Every structure is written in C-alpha cells, then in structure tokens.
C-alpha cells in the first residue's frame, strides 16, 4: 500500500471539513485489513463524488491508486447542487466541476472498466426508470435527489403501493422510454440505449427532470456552451 503523505491528509480534510484529521488513514487501513483477510478486491467498489474543489488530476490519482495498488475499481458520481429549480445555488456553485475537467476524469474512469464510453451516471437508464425513492419526510420521487415540494407523500396521500400505482408514469420516467422524447442532443447519441443523462442534474439545473443533463460532455448543446466540439 502507498504511504500516506501529509498532502493526502491536507487534501482529504479540505474536501471533508469537520471530519477527524486521521479519517483518510482509517479508510486506507480498513481497506488494507479487508484485503489482508482475503476479501476479493473485485467485489469492492471505491464510490466517489467528483467536485469542483478537486483538480481532475487529483481525482485521476485517486482512481489510479485504488485500481493499481488495491485492485479496486471506482464508481464515479459528478457533483451537482441538488437544489430545487429556481433556488439560488450560492456557495454550492463552487462545488460544480467544469465540463472540461469532467471530460478528463471520465476518460480515465471509463478506461478502468475497459470501456471507451460509459453513461454519465454510475447507473444506466434502465435502473433509473425502474426504481423509486422514499425520502426521509415521506416524499416518493423518481430519485432521491429529485425533490419537488408537491411530491406525493406516504404520510399524506396514501401508502407506498397506492402512490406507485397512481404516479407510476412520473416515478418511472416513462415519458423518456420513447427515444423521440429524449432531450435534445440525446436523441441522436449512440449511447441512448443505456443512458439518458442524469435526471437529477437536469432537474437541479432548472431543465426539469426531462431536460438536458448539464454535465454530459457528449451532448452537443453542452459542448457548444463550453466552446467545444465532439
């Protein structure tokens, strides 16, 4: 295992304010112990969220470390504000990474899985359209990070089975199952059989849960805004 350097402590604590100073060492020690006990690394997953507070090189180094030294692959999420549309992001905006940096990180992320391209989510569109979320306040939504104020609620509107049956078209994003209803830029994408972008990122950006995922670097509209081409 890699020796944990002072810069690793500084970097980890910067990204996780309020956590114990030796948290990163505890994590690495725990991973090391599990591997020493014989648990197969291919059944472990390093789940991370990439934010604008990190350089792409930093995230790539993390992916490299766990894959090359531990044999553990990484599951990648791209941060967004998780706010309701129209809510000023304020301080949270600095956590949103630049599209250019997402491209760099995602290229390395895909390579570890032996793929040229992967969906912009850690799951595919089939997962997103066959699961629902029950939030801590009882709201039932298509995703834990899609949180409309008027969402059906098990404490007010009926039990879970009743709500799923009543709102299943919305909860399962069935409108997007027909590719002609996909957001602009997704309709012609070669990956739209498994990917329709992150519905939560689209929602938080004010595009609605049916809009364009603002972090998708394959979408020509996002690339145009960033001054890039495919």
C-alpha atoms as a PDB file:
ATOM      1  CA  UNK A   1       0.000   0.000   0.000  1.00  0.00           C
ATOM      2  CA  UNK A   2       1.031   3.577  -0.601  1.00  0.00           C
ATOM      3  CA  UNK A   3       2.498   5.591   2.252  1.00  0.00           C
ATOM      4  CA  UNK A   4       0.015   8.287   3.241  1.00  0.00           C
ATOM      5  CA  UNK A   5       1.699  11.647   2.816  1.00  0.00           C
ATOM      6  CA  UNK A   6       0.998  14.939   4.570  1.00  0.00           C
ATOM      7  CA  UNK A   7      -0.538  16.298   1.362  1.00  0.00           C
ATOM      8  CA  UNK A   8      -3.085  13.464   1.392  1.00  0.00           C
ATOM      9  CA  UNK A   9      -4.246  14.470   4.871  1.00  0.00           C
ATOM     10  CA  UNK A  10      -4.451  18.139   3.864  1.00  0.00           C
ATOM     11  CA  UNK A  11      -6.347  17.366   0.667  1.00  0.00           C
ATOM     12  CA  UNK A  12      -8.782  14.944   2.319  1.00  0.00           C
ATOM     13  CA  UNK A  13      -9.519  17.283   5.219  1.00  0.00           C
ATOM     14  CA  UNK A  14     -10.092  20.176   2.823  1.00  0.00           C
ATOM     15  CA  UNK A  15     -12.693  18.110   0.964  1.00  0.00           C
ATOM     16  CA  UNK A  16     -14.262  16.733   4.165  1.00  0.00           C
ATOM     17  CA  UNK A  17     -14.404  19.615   6.670  1.00  0.00           C
ATOM     18  CA  UNK A  18     -15.367  18.585  10.165  1.00  0.00           C
ATOM     19  CA  UNK A  19     -14.139  15.021   9.793  1.00  0.00           C
ATOM     20  CA  UNK A  20     -11.412  13.678  12.121  1.00  0.00           C
ATOM     21  CA  UNK A  21      -7.944  14.563  10.879  1.00  0.00           C
ATOM     22  CA  UNK A  22      -6.906  10.916  10.585  1.00  0.00           C
ATOM     23  CA  UNK A  23     -10.031   9.853   8.681  1.00  0.00           C
ATOM     24  CA  UNK A  24      -8.168   9.125   5.455  1.00  0.00           C
ATOM     25  CA  UNK A  25      -5.713   6.866   7.298  1.00  0.00           C
ATOM     26  CA  UNK A  26      -8.596   4.971   8.897  1.00  0.00           C
ATOM     27  CA  UNK A  27     -10.144   4.412   5.489  1.00  0.00           C
ATOM     28  CA  UNK A  28      -6.916   3.139   3.925  1.00  0.00           C
ATOM     29  CA  UNK A  29      -6.152   0.970   6.965  1.00  0.00           C
ATOM     30  CA  UNK A  30      -9.650  -0.505   6.782  1.00  0.00           C
ATOM     31  CA  UNK A  31      -9.306  -1.312   3.092  1.00  0.00           C
ATOM     32  CA  UNK A  32      -5.898  -2.856   3.710  1.00  0.00           C
ATOM     33  CA  UNK A  33      -7.215  -5.030   6.548  1.00  0.00           C
ATOM     34  CA  UNK A  34     -10.160  -6.291   4.473  1.00  0.00           C
ATOM     35  CA  UNK A  35      -7.815  -7.253   1.635  1.00  0.00           C
ATOM     36  CA  UNK A  36      -5.413  -8.950   4.067  1.00  0.00           C
ATOM     37  CA  UNK A  37      -8.304 -11.072   5.322  1.00  0.00           C
ATOM     38  CA  UNK A  38      -8.742 -12.362   1.793  1.00  0.00           C
ATOM     39  CA  UNK A  39     -11.798 -10.470   0.634  1.00  0.00           C
ATOM     40  CA  UNK A  40     -11.676 -10.254  -3.191  1.00  0.00           C
ATOM     41  CA  UNK A  41     -10.956  -6.699  -4.405  1.00  0.00           C
ATOM     42  CA  UNK A  42     -13.186  -7.205  -7.452  1.00  0.00           C
ATOM     43  CA  UNK A  43     -16.141  -7.342  -5.053  1.00  0.00           C
ATOM     44  CA  UNK A  44     -15.232  -3.971  -3.546  1.00  0.00           C
ATOM     45  CA  UNK A  45     -16.000  -0.565  -5.006  1.00  0.00           C
ATOM     46  CA  UNK A  46     -14.496   2.843  -4.317  1.00  0.00           C
ATOM     47  CA  UNK A  47     -17.527   5.150  -4.555  1.00  0.00           C
ATOM     48  CA  UNK A  48     -16.576   8.807  -5.020  1.00  0.00           C
ATOM     49  CA  UNK A  49     -18.149  12.120  -5.996  1.00  0.00           C
ATOM     50  CA  UNK A  50     -16.104  14.460  -8.174  1.00  0.00           C
ATOM     51  CA  UNK A  51     -16.484  18.118  -7.219  1.00  0.00           C
ATOM     52  CA  UNK A  52     -15.173  21.458  -8.387  1.00  0.00           C
ATOM     53  CA  UNK A  53     -12.911  21.641  -5.324  1.00  0.00           C
ATOM     54  CA  UNK A  54     -10.687  18.937  -6.810  1.00  0.00           C
ATOM     55  CA  UNK A  55      -8.438  19.114  -9.805  1.00  0.00           C
ATOM     56  CA  UNK A  56      -9.049  16.408 -12.406  1.00  0.00           C
ATOM     57  CA  UNK A  57      -5.513  15.184 -11.739  1.00  0.00           C
ATOM     58  CA  UNK A  58      -6.368  14.655  -8.073  1.00  0.00           C
ATOM     59  CA  UNK A  59      -9.406  12.511  -8.878  1.00  0.00           C
ATOM     60  CA  UNK A  60      -7.474  10.565 -11.508  1.00  0.00           C
ATOM     61  CA  UNK A  61      -4.757   9.902  -8.934  1.00  0.00           C
ATOM     62  CA  UNK A  62      -7.396   8.500  -6.571  1.00  0.00           C
ATOM     63  CA  UNK A  63      -8.757   6.189  -9.287  1.00  0.00           C
ATOM     64  CA  UNK A  64      -5.188   5.107 -10.136  1.00  0.00           C
ATOM     65  CA  UNK A  65      -4.352   4.379  -6.519  1.00  0.00           C
ATOM     66  CA  UNK A  66      -7.298   2.125  -5.792  1.00  0.00           C
ATOM     67  CA  UNK A  67      -7.076   0.273  -9.100  1.00  0.00           C
ATOM     68  CA  UNK A  68      -3.314  -0.147  -9.417  1.00  0.00           C
ATOM     69  CA  UNK A  69      -2.411  -0.722  -5.765  1.00  0.00           C
ATOM     70  CA  UNK A  70      -5.560  -2.323  -4.389  1.00  0.00           C
ATOM     71  CA  UNK A  71      -7.208  -3.898  -7.427  1.00  0.00           C
ATOM     72  CA  UNK A  72     -10.387  -1.956  -6.584  1.00  0.00           C
ATOM     73  CA  UNK A  73     -12.292  -0.092  -9.250  1.00  0.00           C
ATOM     74  CA  UNK A  74     -14.097   3.200  -8.754  1.00  0.00           C
ATOM     75  CA  UNK A  75     -17.733   4.215  -9.135  1.00  0.00           C
ATOM     76  CA  UNK A  76     -17.945   7.877 -10.121  1.00  0.00           C
ATOM     77  CA  UNK A  77     -20.616  10.478  -9.469  1.00  0.00           C
ATOM     78  CA  UNK A  78     -20.398  14.036 -10.777  1.00  0.00           C
ATOM     79  CA  UNK A  79     -21.485  16.604  -8.186  1.00  0.00           C
ATOM     80  CA  UNK A  80     -24.402  18.931  -8.705  1.00  0.00           C
ATOM     81  CA  UNK A  81     -26.230  21.253  -6.339  1.00  0.00           C
ATOM     82  CA  UNK A  82     -29.272  19.040  -5.593  1.00  0.00           C
ATOM     83  CA  UNK A  83     -31.327  22.210  -5.305  1.00  0.00           C
ATOM     84  CA  UNK A  84     -34.875  22.810  -6.429  1.00  0.00           C
ATOM     85  CA  UNK A  85     -35.146  24.672  -9.743  1.00  0.00           C
ATOM     86  CA  UNK A  86     -35.068  28.410  -9.190  1.00  0.00           C
ATOM     87  CA  UNK A  87     -33.200  28.157  -5.883  1.00  0.00           C
ATOM     88  CA  UNK A  88     -30.016  30.277  -5.981  1.00  0.00           C
ATOM     89  CA  UNK A  89     -27.037  27.898  -5.704  1.00  0.00           C
ATOM     90  CA  UNK A  90     -24.940  30.430  -3.799  1.00  0.00           C
ATOM     91  CA  UNK A  91     -21.881  28.837  -2.213  1.00  0.00           C
ATOM     92  CA  UNK A  92     -22.776  25.424  -3.632  1.00  0.00           C
ATOM     93  CA  UNK A  93     -21.941  26.549  -7.152  1.00  0.00           C
ATOM     94  CA  UNK A  94     -18.221  26.280  -6.470  1.00  0.00           C
ATOM     95  CA  UNK A  95     -18.619  22.539  -5.950  1.00  0.00           C
ATOM     96  CA  UNK A  96     -19.819  22.003  -9.536  1.00  0.00           C
ATOM     97  CA  UNK A  97     -16.848  20.896 -11.696  1.00  0.00           C
ATOM     98  CA  UNK A  98     -16.117  22.392 -15.098  1.00  0.00           C
ATOM     99  CA  UNK A  99     -17.155  20.376 -18.148  1.00  0.00           C
ATOM    100  CA  UNK A 100     -13.530  20.316 -19.349  1.00  0.00           C
ATOM    101  CA  UNK A 101     -12.462  18.649 -16.106  1.00  0.00           C
ATOM    102  CA  UNK A 102     -15.332  16.151 -16.209  1.00  0.00           C
ATOM    103  CA  UNK A 103     -14.138  15.057 -19.664  1.00  0.00           C
ATOM    104  CA  UNK A 104     -10.633  14.334 -18.338  1.00  0.00           C
ATOM    105  CA  UNK A 105     -11.834  12.407 -15.296  1.00  0.00           C
ATOM    106  CA  UNK A 106     -14.466  10.425 -17.174  1.00  0.00           C
ATOM    107  CA  UNK A 107     -11.935   9.293 -19.774  1.00  0.00           C
ATOM    108  CA  UNK A 108      -9.803   7.699 -17.039  1.00  0.00           C
ATOM    109  CA  UNK A 109     -12.915   6.352 -15.294  1.00  0.00           C
ATOM    110  CA  UNK A 110     -14.093   4.563 -18.447  1.00  0.00           C
ATOM    111  CA  UNK A 111     -10.661   3.074 -19.100  1.00  0.00           C
ATOM    112  CA  UNK A 112     -10.595   1.236 -15.768  1.00  0.00           C
ATOM    113  CA  UNK A 113     -13.784  -0.582 -16.800  1.00  0.00           C
ATOM    114  CA  UNK A 114     -12.349  -1.472 -20.207  1.00  0.00           C
ATOM    115  CA  UNK A 115     -14.828   0.777 -21.999  1.00  0.00           C
ATOM    116  CA  UNK A 116     -14.422   3.596 -24.478  1.00  0.00           C
ATOM    117  CA  UNK A 117     -17.503   5.365 -23.150  1.00  0.00           C
ATOM    118  CA  UNK A 118     -19.767   4.959 -20.141  1.00  0.00           C
ATOM    119  CA  UNK A 119     -23.037   6.616 -19.113  1.00  0.00           C
ATOM    120  CA  UNK A 120     -22.691   9.922 -17.285  1.00  0.00           C
ATOM    121  CA  UNK A 121     -24.142   8.215 -14.226  1.00  0.00           C
ATOM    122  CA  UNK A 122     -22.903   5.381 -12.062  1.00  0.00           C
ATOM    123  CA  UNK A 123     -26.056   3.513 -13.185  1.00  0.00           C
ATOM    124  CA  UNK A 124     -27.864   3.129 -16.511  1.00  0.00           C
ATOM    125  CA  UNK A 125     -31.227   4.456 -17.678  1.00  0.00           C
ATOM    126  CA  UNK A 126     -32.857   1.086 -17.013  1.00  0.00           C
ATOM    127  CA  UNK A 127     -32.005   1.400 -13.317  1.00  0.00           C
ATOM    128  CA  UNK A 128     -33.311   4.956 -13.114  1.00  0.00           C
ATOM    129  CA  UNK A 129     -36.610   4.037 -14.760  1.00  0.00           C
ATOM    130  CA  UNK A 130     -37.307   1.005 -12.555  1.00  0.00           C
ATOM    131  CA  UNK A 131     -36.601   2.389  -9.072  1.00  0.00           C
ATOM    132  CA  UNK A 132     -38.283   4.957  -6.843  1.00  0.00           C
ATOM    133  CA  UNK A 133     -37.095   6.822  -3.754  1.00  0.00           C
ATOM    134  CA  UNK A 134     -38.822   7.319  -0.416  1.00  0.00           C
ATOM    135  CA  UNK A 135     -37.320  10.385   1.254  1.00  0.00           C
ATOM    136  CA  UNK A 136     -36.969  10.912   4.993  1.00  0.00           C
ATOM    137  CA  UNK A 137     -40.017  13.203   5.016  1.00  0.00           C
ATOM    138  CA  UNK A 138     -42.153  10.551   3.309  1.00  0.00           C
ATOM    139  CA  UNK A 139     -41.999  12.022  -0.194  1.00  0.00           C
ATOM    140  CA  UNK A 140     -41.986   9.478  -3.026  1.00  0.00           C
ATOM    141  CA  UNK A 141     -39.942  10.568  -6.053  1.00  0.00           C
ATOM    142  CA  UNK A 142     -38.187   9.123  -9.123  1.00  0.00           C
ATOM    143  CA  UNK A 143     -34.793   9.746  -7.488  1.00  0.00           C
ATOM    144  CA  UNK A 144     -33.571  10.614  -4.007  1.00  0.00           C
ATOM    145  CA  UNK A 145     -32.178  13.881  -5.350  1.00  0.00           C
ATOM    146  CA  UNK A 146     -35.299  14.949  -7.267  1.00  0.00           C
ATOM    147  CA  UNK A 147     -37.271  16.659  -4.507  1.00  0.00           C
ATOM    148  CA  UNK A 148     -40.272  18.679  -5.709  1.00  0.00           C
ATOM    149  CA  UNK A 149     -42.307  20.339  -2.985  1.00  0.00           C
ATOM    150  CA  UNK A 150     -45.539  18.824  -4.316  1.00  0.00           C
ATOM    151  CA  UNK A 151     -44.278  15.225  -4.486  1.00  0.00           C
ATOM    152  CA  UNK A 152     -46.740  12.556  -3.283  1.00  0.00           C
ATOM    153  CA  UNK A 153     -46.166  11.646   0.358  1.00  0.00           C
ATOM    154  CA  UNK A 154     -46.862   8.411   2.240  1.00  0.00           C
ATOM    155  CA  UNK A 155     -47.846  10.387   5.359  1.00  0.00           C
ATOM    156  CA  UNK A 156     -50.478  12.370   3.490  1.00  0.00           C
ATOM    157  CA  UNK A 157     -51.523  10.822   0.187  1.00  0.00           C
ATOM    158  CA  UNK A 158     -51.676   7.052   0.673  1.00  0.00           C
ATOM    159  CA  UNK A 159     -49.446   4.042   1.211  1.00  0.00           C
ATOM    160  CA  UNK A 160     -46.422   3.317  -0.961  1.00  0.00           C
ATOM    161  CA  UNK A 161     -48.152   0.784  -3.215  1.00  0.00           C
ATOM    162  CA  UNK A 162     -51.035   3.181  -3.844  1.00  0.00           C
ATOM    163  CA  UNK A 163     -48.705   6.049  -4.685  1.00  0.00           C
ATOM    164  CA  UNK A 164     -46.580   3.960  -7.031  1.00  0.00           C
ATOM    165  CA  UNK A 165     -49.683   2.810  -8.912  1.00  0.00           C
ATOM    166  CA  UNK A 166     -51.104   6.328  -9.079  1.00  0.00           C
ATOM    167  CA  UNK A 167     -47.913   8.135 -10.082  1.00  0.00           C
ATOM    168  CA  UNK A 168     -46.019   5.344 -11.866  1.00  0.00           C
ATOM    169  CA  UNK A 169     -45.714   7.265 -15.160  1.00  0.00           C
ATOM    170  CA  UNK A 170     -43.827  10.066 -13.408  1.00  0.00           C
ATOM    171  CA  UNK A 171     -41.966   7.878 -10.915  1.00  0.00           C
ATOM    172  CA  UNK A 172     -40.575   5.619 -13.643  1.00  0.00           C
ATOM    173  CA  UNK A 173     -39.836   8.471 -16.071  1.00  0.00           C
ATOM    174  CA  UNK A 174     -41.879   6.569 -18.646  1.00  0.00           C
ATOM    175  CA  UNK A 175     -42.041   9.603 -20.963  1.00  0.00           C
ATOM    176  CA  UNK A 176     -38.336   9.119 -21.708  1.00  0.00           C
ATOM    177  CA  UNK A 177     -38.666   5.440 -22.590  1.00  0.00           C
ATOM    178  CA  UNK A 178     -39.551   6.515 -26.112  1.00  0.00           C
ATOM    179  CA  UNK A 179     -36.321   7.866 -27.585  1.00  0.00           C
ATOM    180  CA  UNK A 180     -38.175  10.516 -29.554  1.00  0.00           C
ATOM    181  CA  UNK A 181     -38.941  12.164 -26.193  1.00  0.00           C
ATOM    182  CA  UNK A 182     -35.311  12.306 -25.077  1.00  0.00           C
ATOM    183  CA  UNK A 183     -33.716  15.733 -24.514  1.00  0.00           C
ATOM    184  CA  UNK A 184     -32.147  17.497 -27.479  1.00  0.00           C
ATOM    185  CA  UNK A 185     -28.681  16.122 -28.073  1.00  0.00           C
ATOM    186  CA  UNK A 186     -29.639  12.754 -26.566  1.00  0.00           C
ATOM    187  CA  UNK A 187     -31.904  11.620 -29.397  1.00  0.00           C
ATOM    188  CA  UNK A 188     -29.016  11.014 -31.792  1.00  0.00           C
ATOM    189  CA  UNK A 189     -26.488   9.853 -29.162  1.00  0.00           C
ATOM    190  CA  UNK A 190     -25.006   6.404 -29.798  1.00  0.00           C
ATOM    191  CA  UNK A 191     -25.327   5.613 -26.083  1.00  0.00           C
ATOM    192  CA  UNK A 192     -29.010   6.374 -25.662  1.00  0.00           C
ATOM    193  CA  UNK A 193     -29.877   2.683 -25.385  1.00  0.00           C
ATOM    194  CA  UNK A 194     -28.328   2.684 -21.893  1.00  0.00           C
ATOM    195  CA  UNK A 195     -28.063   6.378 -20.983  1.00  0.00           C
ATOM    196  CA  UNK A 196     -30.363   9.384 -20.902  1.00  0.00           C
ATOM    197  CA  UNK A 197     -28.169  11.551 -18.697  1.00  0.00           C
ATOM    198  CA  UNK A 198     -28.663  12.269 -15.011  1.00  0.00           C
ATOM    199  CA  UNK A 199     -32.286  13.226 -14.456  1.00  0.00           C
ATOM    200  CA  UNK A 200     -31.452  14.785 -11.114  1.00  0.00           C
ATOM    201  CA  UNK A 201     -28.759  17.055 -12.556  1.00  0.00           C
ATOM    202  CA  UNK A 202     -31.209  18.151 -15.238  1.00  0.00           C
ATOM    203  CA  UNK A 203     -33.842  18.849 -12.580  1.00  0.00           C
ATOM    204  CA  UNK A 204     -31.475  20.815 -10.337  1.00  0.00           C
ATOM    205  CA  UNK A 205     -30.296  22.949 -13.248  1.00  0.00           C
ATOM    206  CA  UNK A 206     -33.855  24.078 -13.932  1.00  0.00           C
ATOM    207  CA  UNK A 207     -34.306  21.949 -17.065  1.00  0.00           C
ATOM    208  CA  UNK A 208     -36.916  19.726 -15.320  1.00  0.00           C
ATOM    209  CA  UNK A 209     -36.385  16.008 -14.830  1.00  0.00           C
ATOM    210  CA  UNK A 210     -36.862  15.597 -18.597  1.00  0.00           C
ATOM    211  CA  UNK A 211     -34.249  18.157 -19.665  1.00  0.00           C
ATOM    212  CA  UNK A 212     -30.602  18.103 -20.709  1.00  0.00           C
ATOM    213  CA  UNK A 213     -28.035  16.829 -18.220  1.00  0.00           C
ATOM    214  CA  UNK A 214     -25.693  19.855 -17.909  1.00  0.00           C
ATOM    215  CA  UNK A 215     -22.670  17.663 -17.168  1.00  0.00           C
ATOM    216  CA  UNK A 216     -22.974  15.440 -20.251  1.00  0.00           C
ATOM    217  CA  UNK A 217     -19.960  16.229 -22.403  1.00  0.00           C
ATOM    218  CA  UNK A 218     -21.369  14.162 -25.278  1.00  0.00           C
ATOM    219  CA  UNK A 219     -24.374  16.453 -25.655  1.00  0.00           C
ATOM    220  CA  UNK A 220     -23.725  18.930 -28.457  1.00  0.00           C
ATOM    221  CA  UNK A 221     -25.609  21.709 -26.653  1.00  0.00           C
ATOM    222  CA  UNK A 222     -23.362  21.473 -23.603  1.00  0.00           C
ATOM    223  CA  UNK A 223     -20.285  21.294 -25.811  1.00  0.00           C
ATOM    224  CA  UNK A 224     -21.424  24.367 -27.712  1.00  0.00           C
ATOM    225  CA  UNK A 225     -21.810  26.327 -24.474  1.00  0.00           C
ATOM    226  CA  UNK A 226     -18.306  25.247 -23.470  1.00  0.00           C
ATOM    227  CA  UNK A 227     -16.873  26.211 -26.866  1.00  0.00           C
ATOM    228  CA  UNK A 228     -16.017  22.635 -27.807  1.00  0.00           C
ATOM    229  CA  UNK A 229     -16.965  20.134 -30.488  1.00  0.00           C
ATOM    230  CA  UNK A 230     -17.105  16.354 -30.421  1.00  0.00           C
END
